[in-house]
Amino acid sequence: MLVPVVVEVTLRSGIADPEGATIERALPALGFTGVSAVRAGKLFQFTVEAETEVAALAQATALAQRLLSNPVIEDATARVAVTPHS
């Protein structure tokens, strides 16, 4: 079966996020007030061929930890992608 997967990679709590800080500082100049604690991250979408969704998620998690993220400073979370109804 083909399983659509989304992997989100974010900096771990306590790790400085200069990209998020830059975005947060720019928001008031663009008219966005009341926004705080901005954190930036990465999102990956792909399809995994596996026997079950559980196996697909296990493979996606392993891929995320070995290739898509730096496990020393980043957390990676894999989930099955929600596909819109036709």
PDB file of N, CA and C in Angstrom:
ATOM      1  N   MET A   1       0.834  -1.173   0.000  1.00  0.00           N
ATOM      2  CA  MET A   1       0.000   0.000   0.000  1.00  0.00           C
ATOM      3  C   MET A   1       0.885   1.245   0.000  1.00  0.00           C
ATOM      4  N   LEU A   2       0.400   2.303  -0.627  1.00  0.00           N
ATOM      5  CA  LEU A   2       1.105   3.577  -0.641  1.00  0.00           C
ATOM      6  C   LEU A   2       0.519   4.480   0.439  1.00  0.00           C
ATOM      7  N   VAL A   3       1.372   4.964   1.318  1.00  0.00           N
ATOM      8  CA  VAL A   3       0.923   5.772   2.452  1.00  0.00           C
ATOM      9  C   VAL A   3       1.519   7.172   2.330  1.00  0.00           C
ATOM     10  N   PRO A   4       0.668   8.205   2.201  1.00  0.00           N
ATOM     11  CA  PRO A   4       1.188   9.573   2.181  1.00  0.00           C
ATOM     12  C   PRO A   4       1.601   9.980   3.599  1.00  0.00           C
ATOM     13  N   VAL A   5       2.803  10.523   3.712  1.00  0.00           N
ATOM     14  CA  VAL A   5       3.366  10.851   5.019  1.00  0.00           C
ATOM     15  C   VAL A   5       3.808  12.313   5.052  1.00  0.00           C
ATOM     16  N   VAL A   6       3.682  12.912   6.218  1.00  0.00           N
ATOM     17  CA  VAL A   6       4.212  14.253   6.476  1.00  0.00           C
ATOM     18  C   VAL A   6       5.190  14.133   7.632  1.00  0.00           C
ATOM     19  N   VAL A   7       6.365  14.725   7.466  1.00  0.00           N
ATOM     20  CA  VAL A   7       7.352  14.787   8.543  1.00  0.00           C
ATOM     21  C   VAL A   7       7.583  16.257   8.874  1.00  0.00           C
ATOM     22  N   GLU A   8       7.424  16.609  10.140  1.00  0.00           N
ATOM     23  CA  GLU A   8       7.696  17.961  10.613  1.00  0.00           C
ATOM     24  C   GLU A   8       8.982  17.930  11.433  1.00  0.00           C
ATOM     25  N   VAL A   9       9.894  18.842  11.114  1.00  0.00           N
ATOM     26  CA  VAL A   9      11.160  18.949  11.824  1.00  0.00           C
ATOM     27  C   VAL A   9      11.221  20.325  12.470  1.00  0.00           C
ATOM     28  N   THR A  10      11.416  20.352  13.780  1.00  0.00           N
ATOM     29  CA  THR A  10      11.491  21.608  14.517  1.00  0.00           C
ATOM     30  C   THR A  10      12.685  21.569  15.466  1.00  0.00           C
ATOM     31  N   LEU A  11      13.171  22.749  15.798  1.00  0.00           N
ATOM     32  CA  LEU A  11      14.248  22.829  16.780  1.00  0.00           C
ATOM     33  C   LEU A  11      13.725  22.399  18.143  1.00  0.00           C
ATOM     34  N   ARG A  12      14.569  21.710  18.891  1.00  0.00           N
ATOM     35  CA  ARG A  12      14.180  21.286  20.231  1.00  0.00           C
ATOM     36  C   ARG A  12      13.969  22.502  21.134  1.00  0.00           C
ATOM     37  N   SER A  13      13.159  22.332  22.135  1.00  0.00           N
ATOM     38  CA  SER A  13      12.928  23.380  23.117  1.00  0.00           C
ATOM     39  C   SER A  13      14.264  23.771  23.741  1.00  0.00           C
ATOM     40  N   GLY A  14      14.484  25.070  23.892  1.00  0.00           N
ATOM     41  CA  GLY A  14      15.730  25.546  24.483  1.00  0.00           C
ATOM     42  C   GLY A  14      16.816  25.850  23.470  1.00  0.00           C
ATOM     43  N   ILE A  15      16.642  25.420  22.225  1.00  0.00           N
ATOM     44  CA  ILE A  15      17.609  25.722  21.170  1.00  0.00           C
ATOM     45  C   ILE A  15      17.208  27.052  20.542  1.00  0.00           C
ATOM     46  N   ALA A  16      18.161  27.966  20.425  1.00  0.00           N
ATOM     47  CA  ALA A  16      17.875  29.278  19.833  1.00  0.00           C
ATOM     48  C   ALA A  16      17.369  29.115  18.405  1.00  0.00           C
ATOM     49  N   ASP A  17      16.378  29.921  18.040  1.00  0.00           N
ATOM     50  CA  ASP A  17      15.785  29.873  16.705  1.00  0.00           C
ATOM     51  C   ASP A  17      15.899  31.267  16.065  1.00  0.00           C
ATOM     52  N   PRO A  18      17.039  31.569  15.439  1.00  0.00           N
ATOM     53  CA  PRO A  18      17.214  32.898  14.864  1.00  0.00           C
ATOM     54  C   PRO A  18      16.217  33.213  13.743  1.00  0.00           C
ATOM     55  N   GLU A  19      15.822  32.213  12.974  1.00  0.00           N
ATOM     56  CA  GLU A  19      14.844  32.449  11.908  1.00  0.00           C
ATOM     57  C   GLU A  19      13.497  32.844  12.504  1.00  0.00           C
ATOM     58  N   GLY A  20      13.058  32.122  13.515  1.00  0.00           N
ATOM     59  CA  GLY A  20      11.803  32.451  14.186  1.00  0.00           C
ATOM     60  C   GLY A  20      11.853  33.825  14.822  1.00  0.00           C
ATOM     61  N   ALA A  21      12.993  34.177  15.440  1.00  0.00           N
ATOM     62  CA  ALA A  21      13.143  35.489  16.068  1.00  0.00           C
ATOM     63  C   ALA A  21      13.081  36.609  15.033  1.00  0.00           C
ATOM     64  N   THR A  22      13.695  36.409  13.879  1.00  0.00           N
ATOM     65  CA  THR A  22      13.660  37.411  12.810  1.00  0.00           C
ATOM     66  C   THR A  22      12.239  37.622  12.315  1.00  0.00           C
ATOM     67  N   ILE A  23      11.509  36.548  12.136  1.00  0.00           N
ATOM     68  CA  ILE A  23      10.112  36.641  11.699  1.00  0.00           C
ATOM     69  C   ILE A  23       9.293  37.380  12.747  1.00  0.00           C
ATOM     70  N   GLU A  24       9.488  37.027  14.005  1.00  0.00           N
ATOM     71  CA  GLU A  24       8.723  37.661  15.080  1.00  0.00           C
ATOM     72  C   GLU A  24       8.980  39.164  15.141  1.00  0.00           C
ATOM     73  N   ARG A  25      10.238  39.573  14.957  1.00  0.00           N
ATOM     74  CA  ARG A  25      10.561  41.007  14.987  1.00  0.00           C
ATOM     75  C   ARG A  25       9.945  41.754  13.801  1.00  0.00           C
ATOM     76  N   ALA A  26       9.754  41.083  12.660  1.00  0.00           N
ATOM     77  CA  ALA A  26       9.210  41.729  11.461  1.00  0.00           C
ATOM     78  C   ALA A  26       7.687  41.866  11.497  1.00  0.00           C
ATOM     79  N   LEU A  27       7.015  41.077  12.288  1.00  0.00           N
ATOM     80  CA  LEU A  27       5.551  41.049  12.277  1.00  0.00           C
ATOM     81  C   LEU A  27       4.877  42.390  12.569  1.00  0.00           C
ATOM     82  N   PRO A  28       5.284  43.139  13.600  1.00  0.00           N
ATOM     83  CA  PRO A  28       4.607  44.424  13.862  1.00  0.00           C
ATOM     84  C   PRO A  28       4.679  45.394  12.685  1.00  0.00           C
ATOM     85  N   ALA A  29       5.796  45.416  11.975  1.00  0.00           N
ATOM     86  CA  ALA A  29       5.934  46.312  10.823  1.00  0.00           C
ATOM     87  C   ALA A  29       4.975  45.931   9.699  1.00  0.00           C
ATOM     88  N   LEU A  30       4.531  44.689   9.706  1.00  0.00           N
ATOM     89  CA  LEU A  30       3.593  44.212   8.689  1.00  0.00           C
ATOM     90  C   LEU A  30       2.142  44.266   9.172  1.00  0.00           C
ATOM     91  N   GLY A  31       1.946  44.810  10.386  1.00  0.00           N
ATOM     92  CA  GLY A  31       0.592  44.964  10.898  1.00  0.00           C
ATOM     93  C   GLY A  31       0.088  43.792  11.718  1.00  0.00           C
ATOM     94  N   PHE A  32       0.947  42.853  12.038  1.00  0.00           N
ATOM     95  CA  PHE A  32       0.546  41.699  12.850  1.00  0.00           C
ATOM     96  C   PHE A  32       1.017  41.922  14.277  1.00  0.00           C
ATOM     97  N   THR A  33       0.074  42.142  15.174  1.00  0.00           N
ATOM     98  CA  THR A  33       0.416  42.354  16.579  1.00  0.00           C
ATOM     99  C   THR A  33      -0.121  41.193  17.404  1.00  0.00           C
ATOM    100  N   GLY A  34       0.421  41.039  18.586  1.00  0.00           N
ATOM    101  CA  GLY A  34      -0.054  39.988  19.483  1.00  0.00           C
ATOM    102  C   GLY A  34       0.451  38.601  19.127  1.00  0.00           C
ATOM    103  N   VAL A  35       1.436  38.506  18.235  1.00  0.00           N
ATOM    104  CA  VAL A  35       2.007  37.208  17.863  1.00  0.00           C
ATOM    105  C   VAL A  35       3.347  37.068  18.564  1.00  0.00           C
ATOM    106  N   SER A  36       3.553  35.948  19.241  1.00  0.00           N
ATOM    107  CA  SER A  36       4.812  35.747  19.957  1.00  0.00           C
ATOM    108  C   SER A  36       5.216  34.278  19.900  1.00  0.00           C
ATOM    109  N   ALA A  37       6.403  34.008  20.399  1.00  0.00           N
ATOM    110  CA  ALA A  37       6.945  32.649  20.478  1.00  0.00           C
ATOM    111  C   ALA A  37       6.995  31.984  19.094  1.00  0.00           C
ATOM    112  N   VAL A  38       7.434  32.727  18.092  1.00  0.00           N
ATOM    113  CA  VAL A  38       7.511  32.199  16.720  1.00  0.00           C
ATOM    114  C   VAL A  38       8.682  31.230  16.626  1.00  0.00           C
ATOM    115  N   ARG A  39       8.426  30.056  16.109  1.00  0.00           N
ATOM    116  CA  ARG A  39       9.454  29.036  15.872  1.00  0.00           C
ATOM    117  C   ARG A  39       9.339  28.603  14.420  1.00  0.00           C
ATOM    118  N   ALA A  40      10.454  28.485  13.745  1.00  0.00           N
ATOM    119  CA  ALA A  40      10.475  28.046  12.352  1.00  0.00           C
ATOM    120  C   ALA A  40      10.804  26.551  12.315  1.00  0.00           C
ATOM    121  N   GLY A  41      10.434  25.911  11.224  1.00  0.00           N
ATOM    122  CA  GLY A  41      10.722  24.492  11.064  1.00  0.00           C
ATOM    123  C   GLY A  41      10.671  24.101   9.604  1.00  0.00           C
ATOM    124  N   LYS A  42      10.722  22.805   9.366  1.00  0.00           N
ATOM    125  CA  LYS A  42      10.667  22.269   8.007  1.00  0.00           C
ATOM    126  C   LYS A  42       9.555  21.229   7.936  1.00  0.00           C
ATOM    127  N   LEU A  43       8.939  21.129   6.770  1.00  0.00           N
ATOM    128  CA  LEU A  43       7.898  20.140   6.544  1.00  0.00           C
ATOM    129  C   LEU A  43       8.249  19.370   5.278  1.00  0.00           C
ATOM    130  N   PHE A  44       8.212  18.051   5.364  1.00  0.00           N
ATOM    131  CA  PHE A  44       8.487  17.181   4.223  1.00  0.00           C
ATOM    132  C   PHE A  44       7.257  16.329   3.963  1.00  0.00           C
ATOM    133  N   GLN A  45       6.905  16.163   2.700  1.00  0.00           N
ATOM    134  CA  GLN A  45       5.796  15.296   2.302  1.00  0.00           C
ATOM    135  C   GLN A  45       6.323  14.265   1.322  1.00  0.00           C
ATOM    136  N   PHE A  46       5.963  13.005   1.527  1.00  0.00           N
ATOM    137  CA  PHE A  46       6.355  11.954   0.600  1.00  0.00           C
ATOM    138  C   PHE A  46       5.448  10.750   0.786  1.00  0.00           C
ATOM    139  N   THR A  47       5.599   9.785  -0.087  1.00  0.00           N
ATOM    140  CA  THR A  47       4.794   8.569  -0.041  1.00  0.00           C
ATOM    141  C   THR A  47       5.708   7.396   0.277  1.00  0.00           C
ATOM    142  N   VAL A  48       5.252   6.525   1.169  1.00  0.00           N
ATOM    143  CA  VAL A  48       6.005   5.342   1.559  1.00  0.00           C
ATOM    144  C   VAL A  48       5.210   4.115   1.145  1.00  0.00           C
ATOM    145  N   GLU A  49       5.879   3.184   0.504  1.00  0.00           N
ATOM    146  CA  GLU A  49       5.245   1.908   0.181  1.00  0.00           C
ATOM    147  C   GLU A  49       5.541   0.943   1.310  1.00  0.00           C
ATOM    148  N   ALA A  50       4.473   0.453   1.961  1.00  0.00           N
ATOM    149  CA  ALA A  50       4.621  -0.445   3.104  1.00  0.00           C
ATOM    150  C   ALA A  50       3.374  -1.308   3.227  1.00  0.00           C
ATOM    151  N   GLU A  51       3.478  -2.334   4.043  1.00  0.00           N
ATOM    152  CA  GLU A  51       2.357  -3.252   4.253  1.00  0.00           C
ATOM    153  C   GLU A  51       1.225  -2.597   5.048  1.00  0.00           C
ATOM    154  N   THR A  52       1.595  -1.728   6.020  1.00  0.00           N
ATOM    155  CA  THR A  52       0.600  -1.081   6.873  1.00  0.00           C
ATOM    156  C   THR A  52       0.995   0.378   7.106  1.00  0.00           C
ATOM    157  N   GLU A  53       0.054   1.162   7.626  1.00  0.00           N
ATOM    158  CA  GLU A  53       0.370   2.539   7.989  1.00  0.00           C
ATOM    159  C   GLU A  53       1.402   2.582   9.104  1.00  0.00           C
ATOM    160  N   VAL A  54       1.321   1.655  10.037  1.00  0.00           N
ATOM    161  CA  VAL A  54       2.276   1.607  11.145  1.00  0.00           C
ATOM    162  C   VAL A  54       3.691   1.383  10.611  1.00  0.00           C
ATOM    163  N   ALA A  55       3.836   0.473   9.660  1.00  0.00           N
ATOM    164  CA  ALA A  55       5.154   0.208   9.059  1.00  0.00           C
ATOM    165  C   ALA A  55       5.642   1.419   8.278  1.00  0.00           C
ATOM    166  N   ALA A  56       4.738   2.097   7.583  1.00  0.00           N
ATOM    167  CA  ALA A  56       5.108   3.301   6.825  1.00  0.00           C
ATOM    168  C   ALA A  56       5.597   4.389   7.763  1.00  0.00           C
ATOM    169  N   LEU A  57       4.909   4.581   8.886  1.00  0.00           N
ATOM    170  CA  LEU A  57       5.324   5.596   9.856  1.00  0.00           C
ATOM    171  C   LEU A  57       6.667   5.247  10.494  1.00  0.00           C
ATOM    172  N   ALA A  58       6.891   3.980  10.748  1.00  0.00           N
ATOM    173  CA  ALA A  58       8.178   3.563  11.307  1.00  0.00           C
ATOM    174  C   ALA A  58       9.303   3.867  10.323  1.00  0.00           C
ATOM    175  N   GLN A  59       9.074   3.588   9.047  1.00  0.00           N
ATOM    176  CA  GLN A  59      10.079   3.875   8.029  1.00  0.00           C
ATOM    177  C   GLN A  59      10.290   5.387   7.886  1.00  0.00           C
ATOM    178  N   ALA A  60       9.216   6.155   7.885  1.00  0.00           N
ATOM    179  CA  ALA A  60       9.324   7.609   7.771  1.00  0.00           C
ATOM    180  C   ALA A  60      10.045   8.201   8.976  1.00  0.00           C
ATOM    181  N   THR A  61       9.787   7.680  10.152  1.00  0.00           N
ATOM    182  CA  THR A  61      10.459   8.155  11.362  1.00  0.00           C
ATOM    183  C   THR A  61      11.952   7.870  11.299  1.00  0.00           C
ATOM    184  N   ALA A  62      12.317   6.676  10.871  1.00  0.00           N
ATOM    185  CA  ALA A  62      13.734   6.330  10.740  1.00  0.00           C
ATOM    186  C   ALA A  62      14.412   7.222   9.710  1.00  0.00           C
ATOM    187  N   LEU A  63      13.745   7.453   8.581  1.00  0.00           N
ATOM    188  CA  LEU A  63      14.280   8.335   7.539  1.00  0.00           C
ATOM    189  C   LEU A  63      14.475   9.747   8.086  1.00  0.00           C
ATOM    190  N   ALA A  64      13.507  10.237   8.831  1.00  0.00           N
ATOM    191  CA  ALA A  64      13.585  11.590   9.388  1.00  0.00           C
ATOM    192  C   ALA A  64      14.744  11.720  10.365  1.00  0.00           C
ATOM    193  N   GLN A  65      14.959  10.712  11.179  1.00  0.00           N
ATOM    194  CA  GLN A  65      16.024  10.767  12.169  1.00  0.00           C
ATOM    195  C   GLN A  65      17.407  10.625  11.547  1.00  0.00           C
ATOM    196  N   ARG A  66      17.510   9.877  10.461  1.00  0.00           N
ATOM    197  CA  ARG A  66      18.816   9.637   9.842  1.00  0.00           C
ATOM    198  C   ARG A  66      19.185  10.640   8.764  1.00  0.00           C
ATOM    199  N   LEU A  67      18.193  11.262   8.116  1.00  0.00           N
ATOM    200  CA  LEU A  67      18.495  12.114   6.971  1.00  0.00           C
ATOM    201  C   LEU A  67      17.898  13.518   7.064  1.00  0.00           C
ATOM    202  N   LEU A  68      16.653  13.633   7.494  1.00  0.00           N
ATOM    203  CA  LEU A  68      15.942  14.900   7.407  1.00  0.00           C
ATOM    204  C   LEU A  68      16.167  15.826   8.587  1.00  0.00           C
ATOM    205  N   SER A  69      16.709  15.313   9.674  1.00  0.00           N
ATOM    206  CA  SER A  69      16.889  16.146  10.858  1.00  0.00           C
ATOM    207  C   SER A  69      18.242  15.886  11.502  1.00  0.00           C
ATOM    208  N   ASN A  70      18.609  16.816  12.371  1.00  0.00           N
ATOM    209  CA  ASN A  70      19.788  16.639  13.216  1.00  0.00           C
ATOM    210  C   ASN A  70      19.266  16.307  14.600  1.00  0.00           C
ATOM    211  N   PRO A  71      19.277  15.031  15.000  1.00  0.00           N
ATOM    212  CA  PRO A  71      18.642  14.643  16.260  1.00  0.00           C
ATOM    213  C   PRO A  71      19.259  15.273  17.506  1.00  0.00           C
ATOM    214  N   VAL A  72      20.429  15.893  17.376  1.00  0.00           N
ATOM    215  CA  VAL A  72      21.034  16.563  18.526  1.00  0.00           C
ATOM    216  C   VAL A  72      20.266  17.841  18.868  1.00  0.00           C
ATOM    217  N   ILE A  73      19.779  18.561  17.840  1.00  0.00           N
ATOM    218  CA  ILE A  73      19.119  19.846  18.085  1.00  0.00           C
ATOM    219  C   ILE A  73      17.689  19.916  17.555  1.00  0.00           C
ATOM    220  N   GLU A  74      17.232  18.881  16.828  1.00  0.00           N
ATOM    221  CA  GLU A  74      15.905  18.926  16.215  1.00  0.00           C
ATOM    222  C   GLU A  74      15.068  17.714  16.604  1.00  0.00           C
ATOM    223  N   ASP A  75      13.759  17.934  16.653  1.00  0.00           N
ATOM    224  CA  ASP A  75      12.787  16.858  16.820  1.00  0.00           C
ATOM    225  C   ASP A  75      12.108  16.630  15.473  1.00  0.00           C
ATOM    226  N   ALA A  76      11.845  15.390  15.153  1.00  0.00           N
ATOM    227  CA  ALA A  76      11.142  15.049  13.916  1.00  0.00           C
ATOM    228  C   ALA A  76       9.926  14.208  14.265  1.00  0.00           C
ATOM    229  N   THR A  77       8.783  14.585  13.694  1.00  0.00           N
ATOM    230  CA  THR A  77       7.534  13.871  13.938  1.00  0.00           C
ATOM    231  C   THR A  77       6.927  13.463  12.608  1.00  0.00           C
ATOM    232  N   ALA A  78       6.617  12.186  12.477  1.00  0.00           N
ATOM    233  CA  ALA A  78       5.991  11.678  11.254  1.00  0.00           C
ATOM    234  C   ALA A  78       4.527  11.372  11.532  1.00  0.00           C
ATOM    235  N   ARG A  79       3.683  11.656  10.529  1.00  0.00           N
ATOM    236  CA  ARG A  79       2.261  11.326  10.629  1.00  0.00           C
ATOM    237  C   ARG A  79       1.736  11.000   9.240  1.00  0.00           C
ATOM    238  N   VAL A  80       0.654  10.272   9.209  1.00  0.00           N
ATOM    239  CA  VAL A  80      -0.004   9.991   7.936  1.00  0.00           C
ATOM    240  C   VAL A  80      -0.664  11.281   7.463  1.00  0.00           C
ATOM    241  N   ALA A  81      -0.451  11.619   6.215  1.00  0.00           N
ATOM    242  CA  ALA A  81      -1.017  12.854   5.657  1.00  0.00           C
ATOM    243  C   ALA A  81      -2.522  12.699   5.468  1.00  0.00           C
ATOM    244  N   VAL A  82      -3.235  13.746   5.759  1.00  0.00           N
ATOM    245  CA  VAL A  82      -4.675  13.770   5.518  1.00  0.00           C
ATOM    246  C   VAL A  82      -4.881  14.151   4.075  1.00  0.00           C
ATOM    247  N   THR A  83      -5.580  13.318   3.341  1.00  0.00           N
ATOM    248  CA  THR A  83      -5.837  13.623   1.936  1.00  0.00           C
ATOM    249  C   THR A  83      -7.263  14.130   1.796  1.00  0.00           C
ATOM    250  N   PRO A  84      -7.463  15.186   1.008  1.00  0.00           N
ATOM    251  CA  PRO A  84      -8.813  15.725   0.835  1.00  0.00           C
ATOM    252  C   PRO A  84      -9.714  14.728   0.103  1.00  0.00           C
ATOM    253  N   HIS A  85     -10.973  14.780   0.421  1.00  0.00           N
ATOM    254  CA  HIS A  85     -11.939  13.912  -0.250  1.00  0.00           C
ATOM    255  C   HIS A  85     -12.185  14.399  -1.670  1.00  0.00           C
ATOM    256  N   SER A  86     -12.335  13.468  -2.571  1.00  0.00           N
ATOM    257  CA  SER A  86     -12.592  13.831  -3.980  1.00  0.00           C
ATOM    258  C   SER A  86     -14.042  14.161  -4.195  1.00  0.00           C
TER     259      SER A  86
END
